Protein backbone atom coordinates (compact mmCIF):
# COMPACT_ATOMS: atom_id res chain seq x y z
CA MET A 1 -39.41 45.67 9.97
CA PHE A 2 -40.38 47.91 7.04
CA ALA A 3 -41.81 50.51 9.41
CA LEU A 4 -38.45 50.69 11.22
CA LEU A 5 -36.40 50.82 8.02
CA SER A 6 -38.47 53.74 6.72
CA SER A 7 -38.46 55.60 10.04
CA ARG A 8 -36.26 58.61 10.76
CA ARG A 9 -35.89 57.19 14.28
CA PHE A 10 -33.93 54.18 12.97
CA ALA A 11 -33.02 54.34 9.27
CA PRO A 12 -30.07 56.83 9.50
CA LEU A 13 -28.40 54.78 12.24
CA PHE A 14 -29.02 51.59 10.25
CA TRP A 15 -27.30 52.93 7.14
CA CYS A 16 -24.53 54.61 9.10
CA GLN A 17 -23.71 51.28 10.75
CA PHE A 18 -23.97 49.48 7.40
CA PHE A 19 -21.44 51.74 5.67
CA SER A 20 -19.14 51.69 8.69
CA ALA A 21 -19.15 47.89 8.89
CA PHE A 22 -18.51 47.69 5.14
CA SER A 23 -15.42 49.91 5.46
CA ASP A 24 -14.05 48.00 8.46
CA ASN A 25 -14.44 44.61 6.85
CA PHE A 26 -13.42 45.70 3.37
CA LEU A 27 -10.09 46.79 4.82
CA LYS A 28 -9.72 43.79 7.13
CA ASN A 29 -10.46 41.22 4.42
CA ALA A 30 -8.26 42.94 1.84
CA LEU A 31 -5.46 42.73 4.40
CA VAL A 32 -6.26 39.05 5.12
CA PHE A 33 -6.11 38.21 1.41
CA LEU A 34 -2.81 40.06 1.10
CA ILE A 35 -1.32 38.04 3.96
CA LEU A 36 -2.89 34.71 2.95
CA PHE A 37 -1.96 34.70 -0.74
CA ARG A 38 1.23 36.81 -0.76
CA MET A 39 2.97 35.73 2.48
CA ALA A 40 3.61 32.02 3.03
CA GLY A 41 2.95 30.48 6.46
CA ALA A 42 1.34 33.56 7.99
CA ASP A 43 -1.82 32.04 9.53
CA ALA A 44 -0.96 33.49 12.95
CA LEU A 45 -0.65 36.97 11.37
CA ILE A 46 -4.21 36.63 10.03
CA THR A 47 -5.42 35.80 13.52
CA LEU A 48 -3.56 38.80 14.95
CA ALA A 49 -5.20 41.11 12.38
CA ALA A 50 -8.53 40.45 14.08
CA GLY A 51 -6.90 41.19 17.44
CA VAL A 52 -5.46 44.49 16.18
CA PHE A 53 -8.89 45.71 15.07
CA ILE A 54 -10.69 44.70 18.26
CA SER A 55 -8.05 45.68 20.84
CA PRO A 56 -9.15 49.38 21.06
CA PHE A 57 -12.54 48.20 22.34
CA PHE A 58 -10.80 47.00 25.48
CA PHE A 59 -9.33 50.34 26.54
CA LEU A 60 -11.58 52.91 24.80
CA SER A 61 -15.11 51.56 25.30
CA GLY A 62 -15.27 53.12 28.77
CA LEU A 63 -14.48 56.56 27.39
CA GLY A 64 -16.94 56.01 24.52
CA GLY A 65 -19.71 55.12 26.95
CA GLU A 66 -19.13 58.21 29.09
CA LEU A 67 -19.06 60.50 26.04
CA ALA A 68 -22.29 58.96 24.74
CA ASP A 69 -24.12 59.39 28.07
CA ARG A 70 -22.72 62.86 28.76
CA TYR A 71 -23.35 64.39 25.33
CA ASP A 72 -25.98 63.99 22.65
CA LYS A 73 -25.32 60.57 21.06
CA ALA A 74 -26.20 61.79 17.57
CA LEU A 75 -23.69 64.65 17.84
CA VAL A 76 -20.90 62.32 19.02
CA ALA A 77 -21.70 59.94 16.16
CA LYS A 78 -21.38 62.72 13.57
CA ARG A 79 -17.97 63.78 14.86
CA LEU A 80 -16.65 60.23 15.03
CA LYS A 81 -17.75 59.46 11.49
CA PHE A 82 -16.11 62.63 10.24
CA ALA A 83 -12.85 61.49 11.88
CA GLU A 84 -13.24 58.14 10.11
CA ILE A 85 -12.64 59.87 6.79
CA GLY A 86 -9.07 60.60 7.93
CA THR A 87 -8.66 56.96 8.91
CA ALA A 88 -9.76 55.96 5.41
CA LEU A 89 -6.97 58.14 3.99
CA VAL A 90 -4.42 56.12 5.99
CA ALA A 91 -5.85 52.94 4.42
CA VAL A 92 -5.57 54.58 0.98
CA ALA A 93 -1.87 55.17 1.64
CA GLY A 94 -1.47 51.52 2.65
CA PHE A 95 -3.10 50.27 -0.55
CA ALA A 96 -1.02 52.64 -2.69
CA LEU A 97 2.21 51.46 -1.05
CA HIS A 98 1.13 47.79 -0.81
CA SER A 99 2.28 48.08 2.80
CA VAL A 100 1.05 45.53 5.34
CA PRO A 101 2.33 47.63 8.32
CA VAL A 102 0.47 50.77 7.13
CA LEU A 103 -2.70 48.73 6.59
CA PHE A 104 -2.34 47.34 10.12
CA VAL A 105 -2.16 50.94 11.40
CA ALA A 106 -5.31 51.82 9.44
CA LEU A 107 -7.05 48.74 10.80
CA PHE A 108 -6.15 49.78 14.36
CA LEU A 109 -7.48 53.32 13.75
CA PHE A 110 -10.75 51.93 12.38
CA GLY A 111 -10.91 49.90 15.58
CA VAL A 112 -10.49 53.10 17.63
CA VAL A 113 -13.44 54.77 15.87
CA ALA A 114 -15.55 51.62 16.14
CA ALA A 115 -14.79 51.32 19.88
CA LEU A 116 -15.95 54.87 20.54
CA PHE A 117 -19.00 54.42 18.29
CA GLY A 118 -20.09 51.07 19.79
CA PRO A 119 -21.87 52.48 22.88
CA ILE A 120 -23.76 54.90 20.62
CA LYS A 121 -24.76 52.28 18.07
CA TYR A 122 -26.67 50.16 20.58
CA GLY A 123 -27.25 52.69 23.35
CA ILE A 124 -29.20 55.02 21.05
CA LEU A 125 -31.82 52.43 20.04
CA PRO A 126 -33.84 52.54 23.29
CA ASP A 127 -33.74 56.36 23.14
CA HIS A 128 -35.75 56.37 19.91
CA LEU A 129 -37.61 53.04 19.94
CA GLU A 130 -40.22 51.31 22.05
CA ARG A 131 -39.17 48.30 24.15
CA ALA A 132 -41.16 45.93 21.89
CA GLU A 133 -39.22 47.23 18.86
CA LEU A 134 -35.79 46.42 20.32
CA PRO A 135 -35.50 42.74 19.25
CA MET A 136 -36.33 43.59 15.63
CA ALA A 137 -34.11 46.68 15.67
CA ASN A 138 -31.20 44.63 17.03
CA ALA A 139 -31.82 41.94 14.44
CA LEU A 140 -31.78 44.57 11.69
CA VAL A 141 -28.57 46.14 12.99
CA GLU A 142 -26.94 42.71 13.27
CA GLY A 143 -28.25 41.78 9.83
CA ALA A 144 -26.97 45.04 8.34
CA THR A 145 -23.60 44.48 9.96
CA PHE A 146 -23.17 41.03 8.52
CA ILE A 147 -24.55 41.93 5.10
CA ALA A 148 -21.99 44.74 5.10
CA ILE A 149 -19.36 42.16 6.06
CA LEU A 150 -20.59 40.05 3.16
CA LEU A 151 -20.33 42.89 0.65
CA GLY A 152 -17.04 44.12 2.10
CA THR A 153 -15.65 40.61 1.84
CA ILE A 154 -16.81 40.07 -1.74
CA VAL A 155 -15.74 43.49 -2.99
CA GLY A 156 -12.45 43.32 -1.08
CA GLY A 157 -11.72 39.89 -2.55
CA LEU A 158 -12.56 40.97 -6.09
CA ALA A 159 -10.53 44.17 -5.79
CA PHE A 160 -7.58 42.21 -4.38
CA ALA A 161 -7.79 39.66 -7.18
CA SER A 162 -7.73 42.46 -9.75
CA GLY A 163 -4.68 44.02 -8.09
CA ASP A 164 -6.15 47.50 -8.64
CA ALA A 165 -5.02 49.76 -5.77
CA THR A 166 -6.99 52.69 -7.20
CA SER A 167 -10.29 50.81 -6.91
CA LEU A 168 -9.48 49.79 -3.35
CA SER A 169 -8.67 53.37 -2.39
CA LEU A 170 -11.71 54.88 -4.09
CA LEU A 171 -14.08 52.46 -2.38
CA MET A 172 -12.58 53.20 1.03
CA LEU A 173 -13.16 56.94 0.57
CA VAL A 174 -16.67 56.61 -0.91
CA PHE A 175 -17.94 54.50 1.97
CA ALA A 176 -16.27 56.67 4.61
CA LEU A 177 -18.07 59.69 3.13
CA ALA A 178 -21.37 57.78 2.94
CA CYS A 179 -21.02 56.82 6.59
CA TRP A 180 -20.49 60.44 7.65
CA LEU A 181 -23.34 61.75 5.49
CA THR A 182 -25.87 59.27 6.89
CA SER A 183 -24.77 60.13 10.44
CA LEU A 184 -25.92 63.71 9.83
CA PHE A 185 -29.55 62.49 9.73
CA ILE A 186 -29.53 60.62 13.07
CA PRO A 187 -32.12 62.39 15.28
CA PRO A 188 -30.78 64.11 18.41
CA THR A 189 -31.21 62.28 21.70
CA GLY A 190 -30.37 64.95 24.25
CA GLN A 191 -27.91 64.36 27.06
CA GLY A 192 -28.57 61.21 29.07
CA ALA A 193 -26.52 62.32 32.09
CA PRO A 194 -25.68 66.06 31.81
CA ALA A 195 -23.88 66.11 35.18
CA LEU A 196 -21.60 63.21 34.32
CA LEU A 197 -17.88 63.98 34.55
CA VAL A 198 -16.08 62.38 31.63
CA ARG A 199 -12.87 60.77 32.85
CA TRP A 200 -10.12 60.92 30.27
CA ASN A 201 -8.13 58.44 32.36
CA ILE A 202 -9.19 55.45 30.27
CA ALA A 203 -8.02 52.92 32.87
CA ALA A 204 -10.16 54.53 35.58
CA SER A 205 -13.24 54.84 33.34
CA THR A 206 -12.92 51.23 32.19
CA ALA A 207 -12.53 49.94 35.76
CA ALA A 208 -15.58 51.93 36.89
CA LEU A 209 -17.68 50.48 34.06
CA ILE A 210 -16.74 46.92 34.96
CA ARG A 211 -17.50 47.52 38.65
CA HIS A 212 -20.96 48.82 37.80
CA LEU A 213 -21.62 45.91 35.47
CA ARG A 214 -20.62 43.36 38.11
CA SER A 215 -22.94 44.97 40.64
CA ASP A 216 -25.97 43.85 38.60
CA ARG A 217 -26.15 40.08 38.29
CA ARG A 218 -28.36 40.09 35.19
CA LEU A 219 -26.21 42.60 33.32
CA TRP A 220 -23.03 40.72 34.24
CA TRP A 221 -24.56 37.47 32.98
CA GLY A 222 -25.63 39.19 29.75
CA ALA A 223 -22.17 40.69 29.24
CA LEU A 224 -20.38 37.37 29.68
CA THR A 225 -22.88 35.59 27.44
CA THR A 226 -22.51 38.10 24.60
CA SER A 227 -18.73 37.98 25.00
CA TRP A 228 -18.68 34.26 24.26
CA PHE A 229 -20.57 34.89 21.00
CA TRP A 230 -17.98 37.45 19.89
CA LEU A 231 -15.12 35.15 20.91
CA ALA A 232 -16.58 32.29 18.86
CA GLY A 233 -17.28 34.58 15.90
CA ALA A 234 -13.81 36.13 15.93
CA VAL A 235 -12.10 32.74 16.14
CA THR A 236 -14.27 31.33 13.34
CA LEU A 237 -13.64 34.26 10.99
CA SER A 238 -9.89 34.13 11.63
CA LEU A 239 -9.73 30.35 11.04
CA LEU A 240 -11.98 30.28 7.99
CA PRO A 241 -9.52 31.65 5.35
CA PRO A 242 -6.69 29.22 6.25
CA LEU A 243 -9.21 26.37 6.49
CA VAL A 244 -10.39 27.03 2.93
CA LYS A 245 -6.90 27.53 1.50
CA ASN A 246 -4.86 24.97 3.43
CA VAL A 247 -7.45 22.24 4.09
CA LEU A 248 -9.96 22.47 1.24
CA GLY A 249 -7.37 23.70 -1.27
CA GLY A 250 -9.51 26.64 -2.36
CA ASP A 251 -8.36 29.83 -4.02
CA GLU A 252 -9.28 33.42 -3.04
CA HIS A 253 -12.69 33.11 -4.72
CA VAL A 254 -13.56 30.12 -2.53
CA VAL A 255 -12.49 32.07 0.57
CA THR A 256 -14.73 34.95 -0.52
CA ALA A 257 -17.67 32.60 -1.14
CA CYS A 258 -17.34 30.96 2.28
CA LEU A 259 -17.07 34.28 4.10
CA ALA A 260 -20.10 35.51 2.16
CA LEU A 261 -22.07 32.40 3.11
CA PHE A 262 -21.15 32.88 6.76
CA SER A 263 -22.25 36.52 6.73
CA VAL A 264 -25.61 35.80 5.07
CA ALA A 265 -26.31 32.93 7.47
CA ILE A 266 -25.67 35.16 10.50
CA GLY A 267 -28.27 37.58 9.14
CA VAL A 268 -30.72 34.70 8.63
CA GLY A 269 -30.19 33.52 12.20
CA SER A 270 -30.71 37.04 13.53
CA GLY A 271 -33.97 37.34 11.60
CA ILE A 272 -35.22 34.00 12.93
CA ALA A 273 -34.37 35.09 16.49
CA ALA A 274 -36.37 38.31 16.05
CA TRP A 275 -39.31 36.34 14.64
CA ILE A 276 -39.27 33.95 17.60
CA ALA A 277 -39.09 36.85 20.07
CA ALA A 278 -42.04 38.77 18.57
CA GLY A 279 -41.22 41.79 20.71
CA ARG A 280 -40.38 39.77 23.85
CA ILE A 281 -37.12 38.81 25.57
CA VAL A 282 -36.73 35.05 24.90
CA LEU A 283 -33.38 33.90 26.29
CA ARG A 284 -33.94 30.21 25.57
CA THR A 285 -33.22 31.04 21.95
CA THR A 286 -29.71 32.02 23.08
CA LEU A 287 -29.30 28.64 24.76
CA LEU A 288 -30.42 26.83 21.59
CA GLY A 289 -27.98 28.89 19.55
CA ALA A 290 -25.09 28.04 21.90
CA MET A 291 -25.71 24.29 21.65
CA LEU A 292 -26.04 24.35 17.86
CA LEU A 293 -22.95 26.55 17.51
CA GLY A 294 -20.87 24.06 19.50
CA LEU A 295 -22.15 21.03 17.57
CA PHE A 296 -21.58 22.55 14.13
CA ALA A 297 -18.05 23.70 15.09
CA ILE A 298 -17.18 20.17 16.27
CA ASP A 299 -18.52 18.62 13.06
CA LEU A 300 -16.57 21.13 10.97
CA GLY A 301 -13.34 20.26 12.77
CA TRP A 302 -13.99 16.52 12.60
CA ALA A 303 -14.88 16.57 8.89
CA THR A 304 -11.60 18.24 7.93
CA LEU A 305 -9.28 16.66 10.52
CA HIS A 306 -7.47 14.16 8.27
CA VAL A 307 -7.93 15.78 4.85
CA THR A 308 -5.08 15.72 2.32
CA VAL A 309 -4.99 19.02 0.42
CA ALA A 310 -4.97 19.06 -3.36
CA PRO A 311 -1.61 20.42 -4.69
CA VAL A 312 -3.31 22.86 -7.11
CA PRO A 313 -5.82 25.37 -5.64
CA GLY A 314 -9.35 24.81 -6.92
CA GLY A 315 -12.15 27.21 -7.76
CA VAL A 316 -15.61 27.60 -6.24
CA ALA A 317 -17.30 24.92 -8.37
CA ALA A 318 -14.58 22.32 -7.82
CA VAL A 319 -14.21 22.80 -4.07
CA LEU A 320 -17.73 23.53 -2.85
CA THR A 321 -19.51 20.84 -4.91
CA SER A 322 -17.33 18.03 -3.58
CA ALA A 323 -18.68 15.84 -0.77
CA LEU A 324 -16.36 17.49 1.73
CA GLY A 325 -17.12 20.96 0.39
CA ILE A 326 -20.88 20.43 0.79
CA ARG A 327 -20.39 19.25 4.38
CA VAL A 328 -18.23 22.25 5.17
CA VAL A 329 -20.82 24.59 3.63
CA ILE A 330 -23.59 23.04 5.75
CA ASP A 331 -21.47 23.31 8.91
CA LEU A 332 -20.54 26.93 8.22
CA ALA A 333 -24.13 27.91 7.51
CA GLY A 334 -25.38 26.07 10.59
CA LEU A 335 -22.71 27.62 12.78
CA ALA A 336 -23.55 31.12 11.55
CA ILE A 337 -27.34 30.71 11.88
CA ALA A 338 -26.77 29.45 15.41
CA GLY A 339 -24.74 32.59 16.09
CA GLY A 340 -27.63 34.81 15.00
CA LEU A 341 -30.03 32.87 17.24
CA TYR A 342 -27.56 33.28 20.10
CA ILE A 343 -26.77 37.00 20.07
CA VAL A 344 -30.03 38.83 19.27
CA PRO A 345 -32.06 37.84 22.37
CA VAL A 346 -29.29 38.32 24.91
CA PHE A 347 -28.24 41.73 23.60
CA ALA A 348 -31.85 42.93 23.49
CA ALA A 349 -32.10 41.82 27.13
CA VAL A 350 -29.01 43.81 28.12
CA GLN A 351 -30.42 46.93 26.48
CA ALA A 352 -33.79 46.48 28.18
CA TRP A 353 -32.21 45.86 31.62
CA ALA A 354 -29.92 48.92 31.50
CA GLY A 355 -31.20 52.23 32.91
CA ALA A 356 -31.75 55.11 30.49
CA ASP A 357 -29.14 57.32 32.16
CA ARG A 358 -26.44 54.62 32.07
CA ARG A 359 -27.37 52.64 28.97
CA ALA A 360 -24.44 53.76 26.81
CA ARG A 361 -22.00 53.00 29.63
CA VAL A 362 -23.53 49.56 30.13
CA VAL A 363 -23.10 48.86 26.41
CA ALA A 364 -19.54 50.19 26.66
CA ALA A 365 -18.80 47.86 29.57
CA VAL A 366 -20.17 44.94 27.58
CA ASN A 367 -17.93 45.99 24.69
CA VAL A 368 -14.92 45.96 27.03
CA LEU A 369 -15.62 42.36 27.98
CA ASN A 370 -16.32 41.46 24.34
CA ALA A 371 -12.97 42.95 23.33
CA ALA A 372 -11.14 41.20 26.16
CA PHE A 373 -12.57 37.84 25.08
CA MET A 374 -11.81 38.44 21.38
CA THR A 375 -8.32 39.85 21.88
CA GLY A 376 -7.44 37.11 24.35
CA SER A 377 -8.75 34.43 22.01
CA ALA A 378 -6.76 35.90 19.09
CA LEU A 379 -3.56 35.70 21.11
CA VAL A 380 -4.28 32.18 22.37
CA VAL A 381 -5.20 30.90 18.91
CA ALA A 382 -2.08 32.51 17.39
CA VAL A 383 0.10 30.82 20.03
CA LEU A 384 -1.62 27.46 19.41
CA GLN A 385 -1.11 27.86 15.65
CA ILE A 386 2.58 28.58 16.18
CA ALA A 387 2.76 25.54 18.49
CA GLY A 388 1.45 23.35 15.66
CA LEU A 389 -2.30 22.90 16.21
CA THR A 390 -4.11 22.65 12.91
CA THR A 391 -7.17 24.66 11.92
CA SER A 392 -9.35 21.55 12.24
CA MET A 393 -8.11 20.91 15.79
CA LEU A 394 -8.88 24.49 16.72
CA PHE A 395 -12.47 24.15 15.44
CA LEU A 396 -12.87 21.00 17.56
CA LEU A 397 -11.56 22.90 20.59
CA LEU A 398 -13.90 25.84 19.91
CA GLY A 399 -16.92 23.54 19.60
CA ALA A 400 -16.16 21.67 22.83
CA ALA A 401 -15.63 24.93 24.72
CA THR A 402 -18.91 26.33 23.38
CA LEU A 403 -20.84 23.29 24.62
CA VAL A 404 -19.34 23.91 28.06
CA ALA A 405 -20.45 27.56 27.74
CA ALA A 406 -23.98 26.37 26.83
CA PHE A 407 -24.09 24.29 30.02
CA ILE A 408 -23.01 27.30 32.08
CA ILE A 409 -25.65 29.48 30.37
CA THR A 410 -28.29 26.91 31.32
CA ARG A 411 -27.24 26.92 34.97
CA THR A 412 -26.95 30.70 35.34
CA MET A 413 -29.72 32.15 33.13
CA PRO A 414 -31.72 34.81 35.03
CA ALA A 415 -35.20 33.65 35.99
CA HIS A 416 -36.63 37.18 35.62
CA GLN A 417 -36.12 38.34 32.02
CA ASN A 418 -38.28 41.48 31.82
């Protein structure tokens, strides 16, 4: 781990991804807090915020994969991260105006940059690292992502609570600049497929990616399996703030603490998965993670199903030291650790199975499916919330569906994993 983190082959990408994830989640969580505590009855809008950020992955991942394979991945990363500075300026305008619509636009633009960067982020790792280093590298990238989510959540919550638009704006710009500066140190990769014709027709490029992915049974299985992780994660993160506020009766500090706990636990689960793998592809860890994820989600929904909310919002000590609060904390931590166990092995497998000349496009195709699952789930959950399903009921539904997914994973897991 320390050899990777101190290596020029990996460290610049690690920090670039860290700063990028911080910016994305700082903005998203500041927007969630604005909706949750300033707009009554807007749970569905919180769910849609996640859908707005992830929707560009559905129609731009194909283009991002072709650009990453056609051109030097490091060069594309530098240009994308420079463009992200302009996106940060849109967010600054939204904070200055206290405008939810402008912040939604900024969130969408951050999603555009992230969609184009996604195939580079994971496709570049096998270009610079040995196969045995991939599980640890993926665990570190996942860990960095969720630690950045943690910090973005905490800082976004504190800045929102202070009501200081200047601090919000300054932080957005500082981290956008840091992201671009670290991208300048990513080593060049060369062109993976110099003869590749980049298709600017995003529908055609996306359809071609999906066709290629479906032609390889192992890659298709890996794509669908990773997509369920991102669906479960997106639903959980969208349901968590209203669960804390409307069911536990917590204030914005309790929401921040729970999101922080979730982010740290994902990093812990990712580290455990890398330790179990020890440089190998061990897909049974994914199966274990799926079963635990489903069980913890069901217990979380059941524990909060018939709770009467306190009329006055409570702080961290009052809410999270109660019997119910402790159970919710255990369920959230267990759910997140299970998520880390789930995703690291299967994504390392997808990277290892993809050919060097098509790796970025394979990652892009996986991102398309991930985005389709997340965007679709955001719309379905928003509709169910409008129809009257409570947050607890939705956690029960998520847990049951994940156990079904675990059964399917068991029945379809590739026998040959190397």
